[in-house]
Amino acid sequence: MELSEAIERPRVDNVFLRKGPRQPQPGSLALIGHHMIFSPSSSSTNSPSGKEHSSELWLLHRAVDRVIVEPIVKDSFNRSGKLILKCKNFMICIFEIDDLDDCLAVAQGIQHDYPFYYRCPFTVLDNGWTAFDAEQEYAKLVIRCKDGWRISAVNKGFRVCSTYPEMVIVPKGIGDDYLRISATFRDGGRFPILSFYHGETKSCLIRCGQPLVGPTNRRCKEDETILNSLLSSTSKGVIVDTRTKAVAQSAKNKGGGCESQMFYSQWKYIYGGTPRIKEIHDALAKLVELCTETNISVDRWISRLGSCGWLQFVSDMLTCAATVAQCVHCEGSAACEFSKETRVTSLLLLFRSRFSR
């Protein structure tokens, strides 16, 4: 199917650019396969203020993140439309179109053209699915630590954990049966696996899901064996829970929780206090909304920037990652991170591993 066949109205006149990367001006819209083009009218370009914006405005369909149509009711007979385009670079373009049907047709054309009919014109040379090879990473690990770890195919076909790779690196001496039992004790089946090994201090970062302790204080001896195998009889480890203490304690009533110090006596517990993913989404939405504000004073803008929570959340995550990095690099302690996301682990790798940058 040709792109031109999917465009219901390739050109719409009587359009007014109300908001965008230039001053408000009248013109017309044209839709082609990959772009939307706004052409200013001759009357607006002939004016002294319009000469600097006399060129066409080209906007890629794939640059648009969201399309919104709002009807404008002038009277019982005339209905125009407002086309709002929220772009991926936080730019917002607002077009007022005289006919509501034309407005809906343009919106449909922008949404349908590029994503559904684009065909990659070249052969992909770099396949992201093969960028990370667990066996190659294990070969590098063996050079620095010969006897501490092994590679396991316990998650072949993603049978044990849907969010882990098929090949994982786990402590040597721990069988796959222990890993499967530990997965039943961890949220999402995320049993302890190696995320980072520090060659100088011989310490490591382990990642796993929260323990499903629940209100009955459930325990798992196999899971305890896995974590304790990372420590010697005299060493201590650090468990970093990326949640706040209040959230971790409330999760116990829902079947989650945190480890009992009675059964994990060699581990010290630290709460990272990082935000939940919903809180991050809400803060980002407020930040994007703030970035599109034009009629606002500098003091008011800075005040709203602080109140949206985004900068505080970034600071909290960096602080938590720095705490883990200090445990691994300075204190030489084994660290175990509990989180649904890999935010802290990813930041630690950026801090400590040049291969991850």
Protein backbone atom coordinates (compact mmCIF):
# COMPACT_ATOMS: atom_id res chain seq x y z
CA MET A 1 0.00 0.00 0.00
CA GLU A 2 1.36 3.43 -0.97
CA LEU A 3 1.55 6.12 1.66
CA SER A 4 -0.40 8.53 -0.52
CA GLU A 5 -3.37 6.17 -0.45
CA ALA A 6 -3.52 6.33 3.35
CA ILE A 7 -3.63 10.14 3.43
CA GLU A 8 -7.27 11.19 3.40
CA ARG A 9 -6.57 14.92 3.04
CA PRO A 10 -3.06 15.66 1.73
CA ARG A 11 -3.60 19.44 2.02
CA VAL A 12 -5.69 21.59 4.36
CA ASP A 13 -6.04 25.37 4.04
CA ASN A 14 -7.24 27.98 6.54
CA VAL A 15 -4.92 26.79 9.28
CA PHE A 16 -3.57 28.99 12.05
CA LEU A 17 -0.42 28.08 13.97
CA ARG A 18 -1.36 29.12 17.50
CA LYS A 19 1.68 27.73 19.34
CA GLY A 20 4.96 26.23 18.22
CA PRO A 21 8.59 27.01 17.42
CA ARG A 22 7.66 30.36 15.82
CA GLN A 23 5.27 33.25 16.25
CA PRO A 24 1.53 32.63 15.59
CA GLN A 25 0.69 32.92 11.89
CA PRO A 26 -1.86 31.65 9.33
CA GLY A 27 -1.02 29.16 6.63
CA SER A 28 -1.81 25.69 5.30
CA LEU A 29 -0.89 22.11 6.17
CA ALA A 30 0.34 19.43 3.79
CA LEU A 31 0.84 15.75 4.62
CA ILE A 32 3.35 13.56 2.84
CA GLY A 33 4.60 10.09 3.67
CA HIS A 34 7.02 11.06 6.40
CA HIS A 35 6.45 14.73 7.20
CA MET A 36 3.79 17.26 7.99
CA ILE A 37 4.56 20.62 6.37
CA PHE A 38 3.17 23.98 7.51
CA SER A 39 3.40 26.67 4.82
CA PRO A 40 2.82 30.26 5.98
CA SER A 41 0.37 32.29 3.91
CA SER A 42 1.70 35.09 1.73
CA SER A 43 -0.09 37.74 3.80
CA SER A 44 1.76 36.74 6.97
CA THR A 45 5.17 36.57 5.30
CA ASN A 46 4.82 40.00 3.68
CA SER A 47 4.45 41.72 7.05
CA PRO A 48 7.67 43.01 8.70
CA SER A 49 7.27 40.66 11.67
CA GLY A 50 6.61 37.62 9.48
CA LYS A 51 9.64 37.78 7.19
CA GLU A 52 11.86 35.90 9.64
CA HIS A 53 9.31 33.03 9.72
CA SER A 54 8.57 32.87 6.00
CA SER A 55 10.07 29.40 5.53
CA GLU A 56 8.10 26.17 5.76
CA LEU A 57 7.91 24.25 9.02
CA TRP A 58 8.68 20.55 8.51
CA LEU A 59 7.76 18.07 11.23
CA LEU A 60 8.53 14.35 11.10
CA HIS A 61 5.58 12.06 11.84
CA ARG A 62 7.80 9.91 14.06
CA ALA A 63 8.80 12.98 16.10
CA VAL A 64 5.21 13.26 17.34
CA ASP A 65 4.58 11.49 20.62
CA ARG A 66 0.88 12.25 21.04
CA VAL A 67 -1.91 13.69 18.86
CA ILE A 68 -4.91 15.42 20.46
CA VAL A 69 -7.96 16.92 18.73
CA GLU A 70 -10.19 19.35 20.60
CA PRO A 71 -13.36 20.75 18.98
CA ILE A 72 -13.94 24.50 18.98
CA VAL A 73 -17.64 25.39 18.92
CA LYS A 74 -18.20 28.85 17.46
CA ASP A 75 -21.95 28.50 16.96
CA SER A 76 -24.51 25.81 16.17
CA PHE A 77 -23.44 25.68 12.50
CA ASN A 78 -19.67 26.19 12.53
CA ARG A 79 -17.32 23.82 14.32
CA SER A 80 -13.58 24.15 13.97
CA GLY A 81 -10.88 22.04 15.56
CA LYS A 82 -7.70 22.43 17.54
CA LEU A 83 -4.89 20.01 16.61
CA ILE A 84 -2.36 19.57 19.43
CA LEU A 85 0.91 17.77 18.65
CA LYS A 86 3.10 16.84 21.62
CA CYS A 87 6.55 15.99 20.29
CA LYS A 88 9.25 13.75 21.73
CA ASN A 89 11.58 16.73 22.28
CA PHE A 90 8.94 18.34 24.55
CA MET A 91 7.88 20.81 21.84
CA ILE A 92 4.13 21.40 21.56
CA CYS A 93 2.52 22.63 18.33
CA ILE A 94 -1.09 23.82 18.30
CA PHE A 95 -2.92 24.34 15.01
CA GLU A 96 -6.42 25.77 14.68
CA ILE A 97 -8.22 24.37 11.63
CA ASP A 98 -11.48 25.89 10.36
CA ASP A 99 -13.19 22.57 9.65
CA LEU A 100 -13.36 19.92 12.38
CA ASP A 101 -13.49 17.09 9.82
CA ASP A 102 -10.26 18.35 8.26
CA CYS A 103 -8.70 18.48 11.73
CA LEU A 104 -9.66 14.86 12.44
CA ALA A 105 -8.37 13.75 9.03
CA VAL A 106 -4.98 15.38 9.59
CA ALA A 107 -4.71 13.79 13.05
CA GLN A 108 -5.51 10.37 11.63
CA GLY A 109 -2.96 10.81 8.85
CA ILE A 110 -0.18 11.73 11.28
CA GLN A 111 -0.93 8.74 13.50
CA HIS A 112 -1.22 6.17 10.72
CA ASP A 113 1.35 7.06 8.08
CA TYR A 114 4.89 6.57 9.28
CA PRO A 115 4.78 3.79 11.90
CA PHE A 116 2.67 1.35 9.87
CA TYR A 117 4.18 1.74 6.40
CA TYR A 118 7.85 2.44 7.06
CA ARG A 119 10.18 -0.24 5.73
CA CYS A 120 13.81 -0.32 6.75
CA PRO A 121 15.83 0.33 3.54
CA PHE A 122 19.06 -1.22 4.79
CA THR A 123 20.36 -4.36 6.45
CA VAL A 124 20.77 -4.06 10.21
CA LEU A 125 24.42 -4.81 11.00
CA ASP A 126 24.37 -4.41 14.79
CA ASN A 127 21.81 -6.65 16.46
CA GLY A 128 21.13 -5.41 19.97
CA TRP A 129 19.99 -8.86 21.11
CA THR A 130 23.54 -10.16 20.65
CA ALA A 131 25.34 -7.13 22.13
CA PHE A 132 25.68 -8.89 25.48
CA ASP A 133 26.97 -12.45 25.60
CA ALA A 134 26.88 -14.11 29.03
CA GLU A 135 29.52 -16.67 28.06
CA GLN A 136 31.96 -13.96 26.98
CA GLU A 137 31.35 -12.03 30.19
CA TYR A 138 31.93 -15.21 32.17
CA ALA A 139 35.22 -15.78 30.34
CA LYS A 140 36.36 -12.31 31.45
CA LEU A 141 35.25 -13.08 35.00
CA VAL A 142 37.23 -16.33 35.14
CA ILE A 143 40.44 -14.40 34.48
CA ARG A 144 39.88 -12.32 37.63
CA CYS A 145 38.20 -14.97 39.79
CA LYS A 146 38.73 -18.59 38.81
CA ASP A 147 36.78 -20.53 41.41
CA GLY A 148 34.04 -18.27 42.73
CA TRP A 149 31.40 -18.40 39.99
CA ARG A 150 29.78 -20.55 37.35
CA ILE A 151 27.46 -19.96 34.42
CA SER A 152 24.03 -21.56 34.63
CA ALA A 153 21.34 -22.34 32.06
CA VAL A 154 18.66 -22.81 34.72
CA ASN A 155 16.55 -20.11 33.06
CA LYS A 156 16.62 -21.72 29.61
CA GLY A 157 13.44 -20.75 27.79
CA PHE A 158 12.80 -18.20 30.58
CA ARG A 159 11.10 -20.93 32.59
CA VAL A 160 12.23 -19.72 36.02
CA CYS A 161 12.21 -15.92 35.59
CA SER A 162 10.75 -14.01 32.66
CA THR A 163 12.87 -10.90 33.33
CA TYR A 164 16.27 -12.64 33.53
CA PRO A 165 18.41 -13.75 30.57
CA GLU A 166 18.57 -17.44 29.75
CA MET A 167 22.21 -17.69 30.86
CA VAL A 168 23.09 -16.26 34.28
CA ILE A 169 26.20 -16.20 36.48
CA VAL A 170 25.70 -17.60 39.98
CA PRO A 171 27.94 -18.65 42.91
CA LYS A 172 29.91 -21.80 42.26
CA GLY A 173 28.81 -24.72 44.40
CA ILE A 174 25.15 -23.69 44.25
CA GLY A 175 23.12 -26.14 42.20
CA ASP A 176 20.28 -25.29 39.86
CA ASP A 177 17.79 -26.93 42.21
CA TYR A 178 18.68 -24.38 44.90
CA LEU A 179 18.19 -21.58 42.35
CA ARG A 180 14.73 -22.85 41.43
CA ILE A 181 13.66 -23.06 45.07
CA SER A 182 15.06 -19.59 45.74
CA ALA A 183 13.06 -18.27 42.78
CA THR A 184 9.84 -19.36 44.49
CA PHE A 185 10.87 -17.26 47.50
CA ARG A 186 11.69 -14.14 45.48
CA ASP A 187 9.32 -11.68 43.83
CA GLY A 188 9.01 -12.32 40.10
CA GLY A 189 11.19 -15.42 40.41
CA ARG A 190 14.28 -13.19 40.55
CA PHE A 191 16.74 -15.41 42.41
CA PRO A 192 20.21 -14.00 43.30
CA ILE A 193 22.51 -13.53 40.29
CA LEU A 194 25.79 -11.71 39.75
CA SER A 195 25.53 -8.18 38.34
CA PHE A 196 29.05 -6.81 38.97
CA TYR A 197 32.37 -8.15 40.24
CA HIS A 198 35.06 -5.84 41.60
CA GLY A 199 38.42 -7.33 40.72
CA GLU A 200 40.46 -5.22 43.15
CA THR A 201 38.47 -5.80 46.33
CA LYS A 202 37.10 -9.22 45.29
CA SER A 203 33.62 -8.02 46.23
CA CYS A 204 30.46 -8.33 44.17
CA LEU A 205 27.01 -6.92 43.56
CA ILE A 206 24.16 -9.41 43.54
CA ARG A 207 20.69 -8.57 42.25
CA CYS A 208 17.45 -10.30 43.22
CA GLY A 209 13.78 -9.62 43.93
CA GLN A 210 12.27 -8.88 47.32
CA PRO A 211 11.73 -11.94 49.55
CA LEU A 212 8.16 -13.18 49.84
CA VAL A 213 8.24 -13.29 53.62
CA GLY A 214 4.64 -12.26 54.16
CA PRO A 215 2.83 -11.90 57.48
CA THR A 216 3.76 -15.49 58.45
CA ASN A 217 7.53 -14.70 58.37
CA ARG A 218 8.23 -17.33 55.75
CA ARG A 219 11.86 -18.37 55.27
CA CYS A 220 13.82 -20.24 52.61
CA LYS A 221 16.94 -22.12 53.71
CA GLU A 222 18.11 -22.57 50.12
CA ASP A 223 18.01 -18.81 49.59
CA GLU A 224 19.94 -18.27 52.81
CA THR A 225 22.58 -20.73 51.60
CA ILE A 226 22.97 -18.87 48.30
CA LEU A 227 23.55 -15.48 49.93
CA ASN A 228 25.78 -16.81 52.71
CA SER A 229 27.96 -18.60 50.13
CA LEU A 230 29.13 -15.14 49.02
CA LEU A 231 30.69 -14.46 52.43
CA SER A 232 33.45 -15.99 54.46
CA SER A 233 32.94 -16.91 58.10
CA THR A 234 34.31 -13.54 59.23
CA SER A 235 33.07 -11.17 56.52
CA LYS A 236 29.87 -9.17 56.40
CA GLY A 237 27.61 -8.25 53.51
CA VAL A 238 25.20 -5.41 52.85
CA ILE A 239 21.59 -5.84 51.70
CA VAL A 240 20.42 -2.69 49.91
CA ASP A 241 16.66 -2.40 49.67
CA THR A 242 15.94 0.38 47.16
CA ARG A 243 12.55 1.03 48.76
CA THR A 244 11.87 3.25 51.73
CA LYS A 245 11.51 1.54 55.09
CA ALA A 246 7.79 2.34 55.25
CA VAL A 247 7.13 0.84 51.81
CA ALA A 248 9.15 -2.29 52.63
CA GLN A 249 7.26 -2.86 55.88
CA SER A 250 3.86 -2.30 54.27
CA ALA A 251 4.76 -4.82 51.56
CA LYS A 252 4.91 -7.52 54.23
CA ASN A 253 1.12 -7.43 54.59
CA LYS A 254 0.83 -8.08 50.84
CA GLY A 255 3.12 -11.11 50.86
CA GLY A 256 6.45 -9.33 50.41
CA GLY A 257 8.71 -7.78 52.99
CA CYS A 258 12.38 -8.04 53.88
CA GLU A 259 14.74 -10.66 55.29
CA SER A 260 14.79 -11.55 58.95
CA GLN A 261 18.04 -10.64 60.68
CA MET A 262 17.75 -13.93 62.54
CA PHE A 263 18.33 -15.95 59.36
CA TYR A 264 20.63 -13.49 57.55
CA SER A 265 22.82 -12.58 60.51
CA GLN A 266 25.93 -11.84 58.40
CA TRP A 267 24.11 -9.19 56.39
CA LYS A 268 23.55 -5.56 57.30
CA TYR A 269 20.34 -3.98 56.02
CA ILE A 270 20.22 -0.56 54.30
CA TYR A 271 17.16 1.18 52.86
CA GLY A 272 17.94 3.10 49.68
CA GLY A 273 14.81 5.25 49.69
CA THR A 274 14.56 5.51 45.91
CA PRO A 275 11.20 6.48 44.38
CA ARG A 276 8.73 4.01 42.95
CA ILE A 277 8.27 3.87 39.20
CA LYS A 278 4.84 5.53 39.37
CA GLU A 279 6.31 8.44 41.31
CA ILE A 280 9.00 8.81 38.64
CA HIS A 281 6.38 8.84 35.87
CA ASP A 282 4.34 11.49 37.68
CA ALA A 283 7.41 13.66 38.25
CA LEU A 284 8.44 13.36 34.60
CA ALA A 285 4.95 14.35 33.46
CA LYS A 286 5.12 17.46 35.65
CA LEU A 287 8.60 18.25 34.32
CA VAL A 288 7.46 17.96 30.69
CA GLU A 289 4.46 20.17 31.42
CA LEU A 290 6.75 22.74 33.03
CA CYS A 291 9.15 22.71 30.06
CA THR A 292 6.32 23.78 27.75
CA GLU A 293 5.31 26.74 29.91
CA THR A 294 6.11 30.07 28.25
CA ASN A 295 4.24 32.70 30.26
CA ILE A 296 5.92 32.14 33.61
CA SER A 297 8.51 34.07 35.60
CA VAL A 298 11.97 32.69 36.35
CA ASP A 299 11.34 32.48 40.10
CA ARG A 300 8.04 30.71 39.58
CA TRP A 301 9.65 28.30 37.08
CA ILE A 302 12.44 27.38 39.51
CA SER A 303 9.91 26.93 42.31
CA ARG A 304 7.80 24.56 40.21
CA LEU A 305 10.93 22.69 39.10
CA GLY A 306 11.74 21.93 42.71
CA SER A 307 8.19 20.98 43.63
CA CYS A 308 7.74 18.54 40.73
CA GLY A 309 10.12 16.13 42.49
CA TRP A 310 12.23 15.14 39.48
CA LEU A 311 15.54 16.57 40.71
CA GLN A 312 15.02 15.06 44.16
CA PHE A 313 14.31 11.63 42.65
CA VAL A 314 17.47 11.83 40.53
CA SER A 315 19.45 12.80 43.63
CA ASP A 316 17.95 9.91 45.63
CA MET A 317 18.90 7.35 42.97
CA LEU A 318 22.44 8.72 42.61
CA THR A 319 22.86 8.68 46.39
CA CYS A 320 21.70 5.07 46.63
CA ALA A 321 24.01 4.01 43.79
CA ALA A 322 26.92 5.86 45.40
CA THR A 323 26.24 4.07 48.70
CA VAL A 324 26.39 0.69 46.97
CA ALA A 325 29.55 1.72 45.12
CA GLN A 326 31.17 2.69 48.43
CA CYS A 327 30.30 -0.69 49.95
CA VAL A 328 31.76 -2.57 47.00
CA HIS A 329 34.79 -0.39 46.23
CA CYS A 330 35.85 1.10 49.57
CA GLU A 331 34.68 -1.40 52.15
CA GLY A 332 35.08 -4.51 50.00
CA SER A 333 31.70 -5.85 51.10
CA ALA A 334 29.41 -8.03 49.06
CA ALA A 335 26.24 -6.09 48.25
CA CYS A 336 22.82 -7.49 47.45
CA GLU A 337 20.29 -5.18 45.80
CA PHE A 338 16.53 -5.71 45.93
CA SER A 339 14.51 -3.84 43.29
CA LYS A 340 12.13 -4.46 40.43
CA GLU A 341 14.12 -2.20 38.13
CA THR A 342 17.86 -2.09 37.43
CA ARG A 343 18.29 1.62 38.10
CA VAL A 344 20.83 1.34 40.92
CA THR A 345 22.69 -1.56 39.31
CA SER A 346 22.96 0.34 36.02
CA LEU A 347 24.27 3.47 37.74
CA LEU A 348 26.84 1.43 39.66
CA LEU A 349 28.09 -0.11 36.42
CA LEU A 350 28.47 3.38 34.97
CA PHE A 351 30.43 4.41 38.07
CA ARG A 352 32.77 1.45 38.23
CA SER A 353 32.94 -0.28 34.84
CA ARG A 354 34.43 1.52 31.86
CA PHE A 355 33.03 -1.17 29.56
CA SER A 356 29.50 -0.08 30.47
CA ARG A 357 29.96 3.57 29.54
